Each structure stands twice: as C-alpha cells, then as structure tokens.
Amino acid sequence: MLFNLFSYLAEHNRYLNIFGIVFILFIAWIFSHKRSKINVKLVFSALLLHFFTGVLVLKTACGKYVLEKVAYVVRSIYLCADEGAAFVFGSLSDSTMPWGFIFAIKVLPVIIFFGALMSLLFHWGIIQVIVNGISYLIRPVLGTSGAETLCAISNSFLGQTEAPLLVKDYLRDMTKSEFLLVMVSGMATISGAILVVFALMGVPIDHLLTSSVMSIPASILIAKILYPETEKSKTAAGAGVAFERKTSNMFDAIFAGTSDGMKLALNVGAMLISFLALLYLLNIILANASHGINWAFGLSLPELSVNKIFSYLFSPFGYLLGFSGDEALTAGKLLGTKVAVNELVAYGQLVKSDIAVRSKSILTYALCGFSNFSCIGIQIGGIGVLVPGKRLWLTQFGLYAVLGGALANLLSAMVASLLL
C-alpha cells in the first residue's frame, strides 16, 4: 500500500503539489497582518473541506454525475443565448462560416442573456435558497460569521460587485477580517456569466464548475491567514441576512438583468481592447529597450516581453504544479497574464496552447478567479458605492485581495493536481 502511494505521488510529480500547498500557506503566513492570531483550527478545517470538496466532485461517481448535469444545464444556457444572437446578427453568429469565431458576437450576447437569467432567478428566490443552503452547511464547520460566509459563497454564483449586495446592510459594521474575506472571495471566484463565457471559449466546463465550488473554502482559508479575526462580528451566530428584491415582477427583473448584463458585456469588451492594446504597446517598448541594451553594451540578451518576464517570474508555481520544461514556463506565463492583465486573456491563451489535456485541466483551476490588478478598481468602485465609509479599507486591502485571490486559485490547482 505504501509503495502504491509513493508510485501515485511520483506519477506526474504529484509530490511537488504537497510542497506547493505548504509554500502557498507559507506565503500567506509571511504576509499575515497578525500571525500570532491565526486560528489554526479554522485553517485546518478549511483545508480539509477544500480537499473533501475536490475528492467529492473529482473522485466520486455521485459528484461526477451531479457535475455532468450542471455542465449540461450551463451548455444549454449558452445555446439559448446563441438563438438570440442568431436573430440579431444572422449568419455572423455561425462560427462554422469562413469568418470563424467572432468574440463580440459569440461571447458578449451570452453575458447579456445570463445577466437576465440570474436576475430572474434572484427575483423568484431560487438563488437565495441555493446560497443560504450552502451557507448553513459551511458556516458551522469553519466558524466564520454569517455575513462573510454568505458573501464568500454567493461570489461563486454572482460577481465580485453583485455578491456584496446580499449583505449590503452588514458591510458597514463588518470587521476588517470580514471585509477582507469579502474582497478575497470576489477575487478568487468568477461570476456565473463569465463562467459560461469561458466554457464557450473551450475551457473545460466541469473543471470550471469544480473550481468555483472549491474556491469557497480556499478563499476563506487564505483570507483568514492574511487577516485573522480578532474582533466580535455582528453576524457571528448566523447569517441573519434579509434578501431584498429590487424588482417588482418578472418582466422588471428581466429588464434589470439585461441592462446589467449589457453593461458587463460592454465593460468586458472595452477592457479586452484596452488591455490587449496596452500589453502590445508595452511589448514594443520592452523589445526596443532590449535591442538598445544589446546594441549599447554589445550583449546578446533575448528580446524581452511581458509574457517572457512573467513566464520566468511565475514558473516556480508551474514546477510545483508538477509541470516541467516548456509546460512549466507556459504555466508561469499564463499565471502572470492572469494577474497582470486578466483571466479572460489567460484562458484564451490556454485554449490555444499545445500543452497536455491534464495540464490544461489543472491550469483551469489556477486561472479561475478575478484576481488581477484591474479588479482592484472594480471593487473600489462597486463596493465603495455601497459603503463609502469603507473606501479607505478597499484601497488599503486592494493588493492584499489580489494576492489572496491568486493564492486561493493556486491552492485549488495544487489540490486538483493531486487528485487528477
């Protein structure tokens, strides 16, 4: 039995994943605001819950069955969106035609449709039942407060600016530890609308869904190491959150959701245009700078680019994920792109890469979060409107939240690598 365990860990360099988990927790401990106050019981409980979630979904027949059914529902959702897009854009929405896959026509309408669907489900109270049900299961295990747990869970279904709306009446009285968890969980997860988009791009939908669930205990674990709770929470005994419906009927909900989805779609498109253009400009500057240095000093250094710099900067995590050679460098480049630019661009590069299927599956977990620098501004603008008095905390915790979200995603990737 011991020999089988060693053989299993040696396969795909899984033993490195164990070092990776320890290294991630060590980084969180290094950056912890109050190391002596870290709740060791909470850390171990969250880590066990994280492993349990991964095993349940990836290794059990029941978990795989449920995941397959959810994946089927999600696929059906974007097929419905295709019908609407086909009516508006005609044959341009047909990716089998000579012009192929047009991002603005195939992806952005999905966001609009899903915004309407989520608003409708929230109006009917379905989203609230799902979120509350999971909250009552997780909160007693981890000992976190009701409001922060509810927000961390809802981030897996909604978005980093939508989820805090569920606990907006409690944001003003949250402790710093709770508030950081709200931010980290927003950075460590993706919204349902964006999840559908990634699936449409070709990212494995089963692993996207699994990552969304695993990110709940992972974000709680990392956030509570970065800023342990030392104060008394107002919702420590339970959620105690009232879900306020802002829509008067189903048609009002559809209209509101469609409008929100349109704003999100336009924002996604605009962000892609500006960030990819700026990234290209930066690559030009770096390339010219490297040529200039080589000419001035008679060197023959390789041409610099953002991707090349980040591929080496993040390559240690690639090796800890069990990759080697070019795959480790590719993993580093994708992780760097996700943090410096956004996860949408990183997933686009992942789908086009020629790495192994297993490697793509593992990297799906590492990239499955909003933890990038641009999202600091999104959280300051979105959450800051709800609690203007906490805008200072949002600016102070911005980089902490990006770090926490990235570490939570990497933790999920390490656990997934152990199990796959």
Protein backbone atom coordinates (compact mmCIF):
# COMPACT_ATOMS: atom_id res chain seq x y z
CA MET A 1 0.00 0.00 0.00
CA LEU A 2 2.85 2.37 0.88
CA PHE A 3 4.55 1.52 -2.40
CA ASN A 4 1.34 2.34 -4.28
CA LEU A 5 1.16 5.70 -2.52
CA PHE A 6 4.75 6.55 -3.49
CA SER A 7 4.08 5.45 -7.07
CA TYR A 8 0.97 7.63 -7.20
CA LEU A 9 2.81 10.67 -5.85
CA ALA A 10 5.73 10.11 -8.23
CA GLU A 11 3.38 9.97 -11.22
CA HIS A 12 3.02 13.44 -12.78
CA ASN A 13 5.32 14.75 -9.99
CA ARG A 14 2.35 14.91 -7.61
CA TYR A 15 4.67 15.00 -4.59
CA LEU A 16 5.57 18.55 -5.67
CA ASN A 17 1.93 19.55 -5.15
CA ILE A 18 2.33 18.87 -1.42
CA PHE A 19 5.30 21.23 -1.30
CA GLY A 20 3.23 23.67 -3.34
CA ILE A 21 0.41 23.66 -0.78
CA VAL A 22 2.87 24.26 2.06
CA PHE A 23 4.57 27.03 0.05
CA ILE A 24 1.26 28.80 -0.62
CA LEU A 25 0.29 28.67 3.06
CA PHE A 26 3.78 29.94 3.93
CA ILE A 27 3.38 32.93 1.60
CA ALA A 28 0.02 33.74 3.19
CA TRP A 29 1.62 33.46 6.66
CA ILE A 30 4.50 35.76 5.63
CA PHE A 31 2.03 38.45 4.54
CA SER A 32 -0.32 37.89 7.50
CA HIS A 33 -1.33 41.02 9.35
CA LYS A 34 -1.44 39.24 12.74
CA ARG A 35 0.43 35.94 12.58
CA SER A 36 0.02 35.18 16.28
CA LYS A 37 -3.77 35.44 15.98
CA ILE A 38 -4.20 32.93 13.15
CA ASN A 39 -6.97 30.45 14.00
CA VAL A 40 -5.21 27.13 13.42
CA LYS A 41 -8.46 25.17 13.81
CA LEU A 42 -10.14 27.24 11.10
CA VAL A 43 -7.13 26.80 8.79
CA PHE A 44 -7.15 23.01 9.12
CA SER A 45 -10.94 22.81 8.87
CA ALA A 46 -10.94 24.90 5.68
CA LEU A 47 -8.09 22.85 4.21
CA LEU A 48 -9.91 19.59 4.95
CA LEU A 49 -13.12 20.99 3.48
CA HIS A 50 -11.14 22.04 0.42
CA PHE A 51 -9.78 18.51 -0.07
CA PHE A 52 -13.18 16.96 0.66
CA THR A 53 -14.85 19.14 -1.98
CA GLY A 54 -12.22 18.18 -4.55
CA VAL A 55 -12.49 14.45 -3.78
CA LEU A 56 -16.30 14.55 -3.80
CA VAL A 57 -16.52 16.18 -7.22
CA LEU A 58 -13.50 14.67 -8.95
CA LYS A 59 -13.31 11.18 -7.49
CA THR A 60 -16.83 10.01 -6.64
CA ALA A 61 -19.47 8.79 -9.08
CA CYS A 62 -22.13 10.87 -7.36
CA GLY A 63 -20.05 14.05 -7.55
CA LYS A 64 -19.21 13.48 -11.21
CA TYR A 65 -22.85 12.79 -12.03
CA VAL A 66 -24.05 16.00 -10.41
CA LEU A 67 -21.29 17.94 -12.13
CA GLU A 68 -22.19 16.47 -15.52
CA LYS A 69 -25.82 17.51 -15.06
CA VAL A 70 -24.85 21.04 -14.04
CA ALA A 71 -22.47 21.23 -17.01
CA TYR A 72 -25.32 20.16 -19.29
CA VAL A 73 -27.51 22.94 -17.93
CA VAL A 74 -24.76 25.51 -18.44
CA ARG A 75 -24.17 24.35 -22.03
CA SER A 76 -27.89 24.63 -22.68
CA ILE A 77 -27.82 28.18 -21.39
CA TYR A 78 -25.35 29.42 -23.94
CA LEU A 79 -27.15 27.51 -26.71
CA CYS A 80 -30.22 29.57 -25.77
CA ALA A 81 -28.10 32.73 -25.98
CA ASP A 82 -26.98 31.64 -29.45
CA GLU A 83 -30.60 31.70 -30.61
CA GLY A 84 -30.99 35.32 -29.60
CA ALA A 85 -27.64 36.27 -31.14
CA ALA A 86 -28.50 34.49 -34.39
CA PHE A 87 -31.69 36.56 -34.76
CA VAL A 88 -29.81 39.84 -34.25
CA PHE A 89 -26.57 39.09 -36.10
CA GLY A 90 -27.74 36.48 -38.60
CA SER A 91 -25.09 34.27 -40.16
CA LEU A 92 -22.31 36.23 -38.43
CA SER A 93 -23.07 34.17 -35.32
CA ASP A 94 -22.32 30.93 -37.17
CA SER A 95 -18.70 30.07 -36.28
CA THR A 96 -18.56 27.36 -38.96
CA MET A 97 -18.62 30.02 -41.68
CA PRO A 98 -15.35 31.32 -43.25
CA TRP A 99 -15.08 34.20 -40.77
CA GLY A 100 -14.98 31.71 -37.86
CA PHE A 101 -15.41 32.60 -34.18
CA ILE A 102 -16.17 36.30 -33.62
CA PHE A 103 -15.73 37.08 -29.91
CA ALA A 104 -18.03 40.11 -29.80
CA ILE A 105 -20.88 38.17 -31.42
CA LYS A 106 -20.43 34.72 -29.86
CA VAL A 107 -19.46 35.67 -26.30
CA LEU A 108 -20.85 39.06 -25.33
CA PRO A 109 -24.52 38.13 -26.02
CA VAL A 110 -24.11 35.22 -23.58
CA ILE A 111 -23.24 37.68 -20.81
CA ILE A 112 -26.34 39.74 -21.57
CA PHE A 113 -28.63 36.70 -21.56
CA PHE A 114 -27.11 35.26 -18.39
CA GLY A 115 -27.50 38.62 -16.64
CA ALA A 116 -31.23 38.48 -17.38
CA LEU A 117 -31.48 34.83 -16.27
CA MET A 118 -29.67 35.43 -12.97
CA SER A 119 -31.87 38.45 -12.24
CA LEU A 120 -34.96 36.38 -12.91
CA LEU A 121 -33.79 33.53 -10.66
CA PHE A 122 -32.98 36.04 -7.93
CA HIS A 123 -36.45 37.59 -8.26
CA TRP A 124 -38.04 34.16 -7.83
CA GLY A 125 -35.85 33.45 -4.79
CA ILE A 126 -34.00 30.47 -6.28
CA ILE A 127 -30.52 31.95 -5.95
CA GLN A 128 -31.21 32.84 -2.32
CA VAL A 129 -32.24 29.27 -1.47
CA ILE A 130 -29.07 27.83 -3.04
CA VAL A 131 -26.74 30.31 -1.36
CA ASN A 132 -28.40 30.05 2.05
CA GLY A 133 -28.41 26.26 1.90
CA ILE A 134 -24.67 26.07 1.31
CA SER A 135 -24.07 28.76 3.92
CA TYR A 136 -25.79 26.74 6.65
CA LEU A 137 -23.60 23.76 5.77
CA ILE A 138 -20.25 25.57 5.69
CA ARG A 139 -20.52 28.21 8.42
CA PRO A 140 -20.70 25.80 11.40
CA VAL A 141 -17.70 23.85 10.10
CA LEU A 142 -15.42 26.86 9.70
CA GLY A 143 -16.75 29.08 12.45
CA THR A 144 -16.95 32.14 10.21
CA SER A 145 -19.68 34.75 10.58
CA GLY A 146 -22.94 34.56 8.68
CA ALA A 147 -22.49 37.64 6.50
CA GLU A 148 -18.94 36.90 5.36
CA THR A 149 -19.71 33.21 4.69
CA LEU A 150 -22.80 34.11 2.71
CA CYS A 151 -20.85 36.62 0.63
CA ALA A 152 -17.99 34.18 0.00
CA ILE A 153 -20.44 31.55 -1.24
CA SER A 154 -22.52 33.90 -3.35
CA ASN A 155 -19.37 35.09 -5.11
CA SER A 156 -19.25 31.65 -6.73
CA PHE A 157 -22.62 32.31 -8.36
CA LEU A 158 -22.73 36.07 -8.75
CA GLY A 159 -19.89 38.57 -9.24
CA GLN A 160 -17.50 40.49 -7.01
CA THR A 161 -19.71 43.58 -7.06
CA GLU A 162 -23.08 41.75 -7.11
CA ALA A 163 -22.46 39.34 -4.21
CA PRO A 164 -21.85 42.11 -1.62
CA LEU A 165 -25.37 43.37 -2.40
CA LEU A 166 -26.69 40.33 -0.49
CA VAL A 167 -25.04 41.59 2.70
CA LYS A 168 -25.01 45.33 1.95
CA ASP A 169 -26.77 46.14 5.23
CA TYR A 170 -23.94 44.43 7.14
CA LEU A 171 -20.94 45.82 5.22
CA ARG A 172 -20.83 49.00 7.29
CA ASP A 173 -20.40 47.07 10.56
CA MET A 174 -18.05 44.37 9.27
CA THR A 175 -14.70 43.82 10.95
CA LYS A 176 -11.52 44.23 8.87
CA SER A 177 -11.12 40.45 8.73
CA GLU A 178 -14.66 40.00 7.39
CA PHE A 179 -14.22 42.82 4.89
CA LEU A 180 -11.00 41.34 3.51
CA LEU A 181 -12.77 37.99 3.04
CA VAL A 182 -15.47 39.76 1.02
CA MET A 183 -12.73 41.14 -1.23
CA VAL A 184 -10.62 37.97 -1.44
CA SER A 185 -13.62 35.75 -2.23
CA GLY A 186 -14.53 38.18 -5.00
CA MET A 187 -11.03 37.91 -6.43
CA ALA A 188 -10.81 34.11 -6.03
CA THR A 189 -14.01 33.30 -7.93
CA ILE A 190 -15.69 34.11 -11.24
CA SER A 191 -19.32 35.01 -11.82
CA GLY A 192 -21.77 32.63 -13.45
CA ALA A 193 -21.99 34.83 -16.54
CA ILE A 194 -18.24 34.79 -17.08
CA LEU A 195 -18.08 31.04 -16.39
CA VAL A 196 -20.43 30.46 -19.31
CA VAL A 197 -18.21 32.65 -21.49
CA PHE A 198 -15.09 30.64 -20.63
CA ALA A 199 -16.94 27.40 -21.37
CA LEU A 200 -17.95 28.84 -24.72
CA MET A 201 -14.29 29.61 -25.44
CA GLY A 202 -13.40 25.94 -24.94
CA VAL A 203 -12.28 25.86 -21.30
CA PRO A 204 -13.34 22.53 -19.63
CA ILE A 205 -16.67 23.37 -18.04
CA ASP A 206 -16.54 20.55 -15.46
CA HIS A 207 -13.30 21.92 -14.02
CA LEU A 208 -14.63 25.49 -14.09
CA LEU A 209 -17.62 24.39 -12.01
CA THR A 210 -15.46 22.36 -9.62
CA SER A 211 -13.09 25.28 -9.17
CA SER A 212 -15.99 27.61 -8.37
CA VAL A 213 -17.06 25.35 -5.51
CA MET A 214 -13.52 24.69 -4.26
CA SER A 215 -12.79 28.42 -4.20
CA ILE A 216 -15.23 28.90 -1.31
CA PRO A 217 -13.16 27.17 1.42
CA ALA A 218 -9.90 28.21 -0.31
CA SER A 219 -10.72 31.92 -0.19
CA ILE A 220 -11.87 31.66 3.43
CA LEU A 221 -8.68 29.81 4.37
CA ILE A 222 -6.30 32.31 2.73
CA ALA A 223 -8.22 35.41 3.86
CA LYS A 224 -8.24 34.26 7.49
CA ILE A 225 -4.47 33.71 7.39
CA LEU A 226 -3.83 37.11 5.79
CA TYR A 227 -6.05 38.91 8.32
CA PRO A 228 -7.17 36.75 11.28
CA GLU A 229 -10.33 37.70 13.13
CA THR A 230 -9.68 39.49 16.43
CA GLU A 231 -12.95 41.42 16.78
CA LYS A 232 -16.56 40.46 17.52
CA SER A 233 -18.70 40.08 14.41
CA LYS A 234 -22.31 41.24 14.33
CA THR A 235 -23.37 38.04 12.49
CA ALA A 236 -21.13 35.55 14.28
CA ALA A 237 -24.13 33.50 15.41
CA GLY A 238 -25.63 33.11 11.96
CA ALA A 239 -26.36 34.70 8.63
CA GLY A 240 -29.30 36.83 9.64
CA VAL A 241 -29.42 38.39 6.18
CA ALA A 242 -32.58 39.57 4.50
CA PHE A 243 -32.62 39.26 0.72
CA GLU A 244 -34.12 42.41 -0.74
CA ARG A 245 -35.78 42.15 -4.13
CA LYS A 246 -35.43 45.33 -6.13
CA THR A 247 -37.66 44.17 -8.97
CA SER A 248 -41.45 44.30 -8.81
CA ASN A 249 -42.24 41.50 -11.26
CA MET A 250 -40.57 39.03 -13.61
CA PHE A 251 -40.55 41.44 -16.56
CA ASP A 252 -38.92 44.10 -14.43
CA ALA A 253 -36.33 41.50 -13.37
CA ILE A 254 -35.62 40.56 -17.00
CA PHE A 255 -35.20 44.21 -17.96
CA ALA A 256 -32.91 44.98 -14.99
CA GLY A 257 -30.80 41.85 -15.59
CA THR A 258 -30.50 42.55 -19.30
CA SER A 259 -29.36 46.11 -18.61
CA ASP A 260 -26.79 44.91 -16.08
CA GLY A 261 -25.63 42.18 -18.47
CA MET A 262 -25.23 44.72 -21.27
CA LYS A 263 -23.10 46.96 -19.07
CA LEU A 264 -20.95 43.98 -18.08
CA ALA A 265 -20.60 42.85 -21.70
CA LEU A 266 -19.56 46.32 -22.83
CA ASN A 267 -17.10 46.51 -19.94
CA VAL A 268 -15.59 43.13 -20.86
CA GLY A 269 -15.21 44.16 -24.50
CA ALA A 270 -13.74 47.55 -23.62
CA MET A 271 -11.32 46.02 -21.09
CA LEU A 272 -10.11 43.50 -23.64
CA ILE A 273 -9.48 46.17 -26.26
CA SER A 274 -7.61 48.50 -23.90
CA PHE A 275 -5.59 45.87 -22.03
CA LEU A 276 -4.53 43.94 -25.11
CA ALA A 277 -3.57 47.19 -26.84
CA LEU A 278 -1.60 48.38 -23.79
CA LEU A 279 0.05 44.98 -23.46
CA TYR A 280 1.10 45.11 -27.10
CA LEU A 281 2.46 48.64 -26.58
CA LEU A 282 4.42 47.52 -23.53
CA ASN A 283 5.87 44.60 -25.50
CA ILE A 284 7.04 47.02 -28.20
CA ILE A 285 8.72 49.20 -25.56
CA LEU A 286 10.39 46.20 -23.90
CA ALA A 287 11.56 44.80 -27.24
CA ASN A 288 13.11 48.13 -28.28
CA ALA A 289 14.67 48.55 -24.84
CA SER A 290 16.28 45.09 -25.02
CA HIS A 291 17.59 45.79 -28.52
CA GLY A 292 19.00 49.11 -27.29
CA ILE A 293 20.76 47.48 -24.35
CA ASN A 294 22.25 44.80 -26.60
CA TRP A 295 23.48 47.45 -29.05
CA ALA A 296 24.90 49.76 -26.37
CA PHE A 297 26.74 47.10 -24.38
CA GLY A 298 27.45 44.55 -27.10
CA LEU A 299 25.28 41.91 -25.45
CA SER A 300 23.07 39.24 -26.97
CA LEU A 301 20.26 39.07 -24.41
CA PRO A 302 16.91 37.63 -25.57
CA GLU A 303 14.20 40.04 -26.65
CA LEU A 304 12.08 40.99 -23.67
CA SER A 305 8.30 40.87 -23.50
CA VAL A 306 5.71 40.90 -20.74
CA ASN A 307 4.89 37.24 -21.29
CA LYS A 308 8.55 36.22 -21.17
CA ILE A 309 9.17 38.13 -17.93
CA PHE A 310 6.13 36.65 -16.22
CA SER A 311 6.84 33.17 -17.54
CA TYR A 312 10.07 33.15 -15.53
CA LEU A 313 8.59 35.02 -12.56
CA PHE A 314 5.74 32.54 -12.08
CA SER A 315 7.48 29.42 -13.39
CA PRO A 316 8.23 28.15 -9.82
CA PHE A 317 4.48 27.63 -9.39
CA GLY A 318 4.45 25.80 -12.70
CA TYR A 319 7.05 23.35 -11.37
CA LEU A 320 5.19 22.97 -8.04
CA LEU A 321 2.07 22.06 -10.03
CA GLY A 322 4.09 19.13 -11.36
CA PHE A 323 4.92 20.54 -14.78
CA SER A 324 8.39 20.56 -16.29
CA GLY A 325 10.24 22.22 -19.15
CA ASP A 326 8.15 24.27 -21.57
CA GLU A 327 4.90 23.40 -19.77
CA ALA A 328 6.18 24.98 -16.54
CA LEU A 329 7.15 28.14 -18.44
CA THR A 330 3.78 28.16 -20.21
CA ALA A 331 2.04 27.84 -16.84
CA GLY A 332 4.11 30.74 -15.49
CA LYS A 333 3.24 32.89 -18.50
CA LEU A 334 -0.48 32.17 -18.12
CA LEU A 335 -0.44 32.88 -14.38
CA GLY A 336 1.39 36.15 -15.00
CA THR A 337 -1.04 37.16 -17.74
CA LYS A 338 -3.97 36.43 -15.44
CA VAL A 339 -2.66 38.69 -12.66
CA ALA A 340 -1.20 41.47 -14.81
CA VAL A 341 -3.94 41.58 -17.47
CA ASN A 342 -7.00 39.40 -16.70
CA GLU A 343 -8.20 35.81 -16.65
CA LEU A 344 -10.11 36.21 -19.92
CA VAL A 345 -6.92 36.77 -21.91
CA ALA A 346 -5.14 34.00 -19.97
CA TYR A 347 -7.89 31.48 -20.75
CA GLY A 348 -7.79 32.49 -24.40
CA GLN A 349 -4.07 31.67 -24.45
CA LEU A 350 -4.67 28.42 -22.52
CA VAL A 351 -7.21 27.14 -25.04
CA LYS A 352 -4.80 27.83 -27.92
CA SER A 353 -1.76 26.29 -26.20
CA ASP A 354 -0.48 22.84 -27.18
CA ILE A 355 0.08 21.52 -23.64
CA ALA A 356 -1.38 18.20 -22.44
CA VAL A 357 -5.08 17.87 -21.61
CA ARG A 358 -4.32 17.14 -17.94
CA SER A 359 -2.15 20.26 -17.74
CA LYS A 360 -4.96 22.37 -19.22
CA SER A 361 -7.37 20.96 -16.64
CA ILE A 362 -5.05 21.85 -13.75
CA LEU A 363 -4.39 25.35 -15.07
CA THR A 364 -8.15 25.86 -15.35
CA TYR A 365 -8.20 25.94 -11.53
CA ALA A 366 -5.18 28.25 -11.26
CA LEU A 367 -6.75 30.82 -13.58
CA CYS A 368 -10.34 30.60 -12.30
CA GLY A 369 -10.61 33.92 -10.47
CA PHE A 370 -10.81 37.69 -10.87
CA SER A 371 -7.50 38.23 -9.03
CA ASN A 372 -5.88 40.87 -11.21
CA PHE A 373 -4.86 44.48 -10.73
CA SER A 374 -7.73 45.96 -12.74
CA CYS A 375 -10.27 44.34 -10.39
CA ILE A 376 -8.98 46.49 -7.54
CA GLY A 377 -10.60 49.43 -9.30
CA ILE A 378 -13.76 47.40 -9.92
CA GLN A 379 -14.10 46.57 -6.23
CA ILE A 380 -13.34 50.12 -5.10
CA GLY A 381 -15.99 51.43 -7.50
CA GLY A 382 -18.58 48.70 -6.92
CA ILE A 383 -18.33 48.00 -3.18
CA GLY A 384 -17.31 51.60 -2.39
CA VAL A 385 -20.71 52.80 -3.59
CA LEU A 386 -22.43 50.51 -1.07
CA VAL A 387 -20.25 51.60 1.87
CA PRO A 388 -18.48 54.92 1.13
CA GLY A 389 -17.09 54.92 4.66
CA LYS A 390 -15.10 51.75 3.91
CA ARG A 391 -13.49 53.05 0.70
CA LEU A 392 -10.21 53.52 2.59
CA TRP A 393 -10.21 49.83 3.54
CA LEU A 394 -10.85 48.93 -0.10
CA THR A 395 -7.76 50.87 -1.18
CA GLN A 396 -5.64 49.51 1.67
CA PHE A 397 -6.67 45.89 1.04
CA GLY A 398 -6.56 46.05 -2.78
CA LEU A 399 -3.20 44.35 -3.29
CA TYR A 400 -3.92 42.02 -0.35
CA ALA A 401 -7.10 40.90 -2.11
CA VAL A 402 -5.27 40.22 -5.39
CA LEU A 403 -2.63 38.22 -3.50
CA GLY A 404 -5.28 36.30 -1.55
CA GLY A 405 -7.33 35.51 -4.64
CA ALA A 406 -4.28 34.33 -6.59
CA LEU A 407 -3.13 32.12 -3.70
CA ALA A 408 -6.61 30.62 -3.30
CA ASN A 409 -6.72 29.73 -7.01
CA LEU A 410 -3.25 28.20 -6.86
CA LEU A 411 -4.26 26.20 -3.77
CA SER A 412 -7.22 24.76 -5.68
CA ALA A 413 -4.90 23.93 -8.59
CA MET A 414 -2.49 22.09 -6.27
CA VAL A 415 -5.31 20.01 -4.77
CA ALA A 416 -6.74 19.30 -8.22
CA SER A 417 -3.32 18.22 -9.45
CA LEU A 418 -3.07 15.76 -6.55
CA LEU A 419 -6.42 14.25 -7.50
CA LEU A 420 -6.29 14.25 -11.30
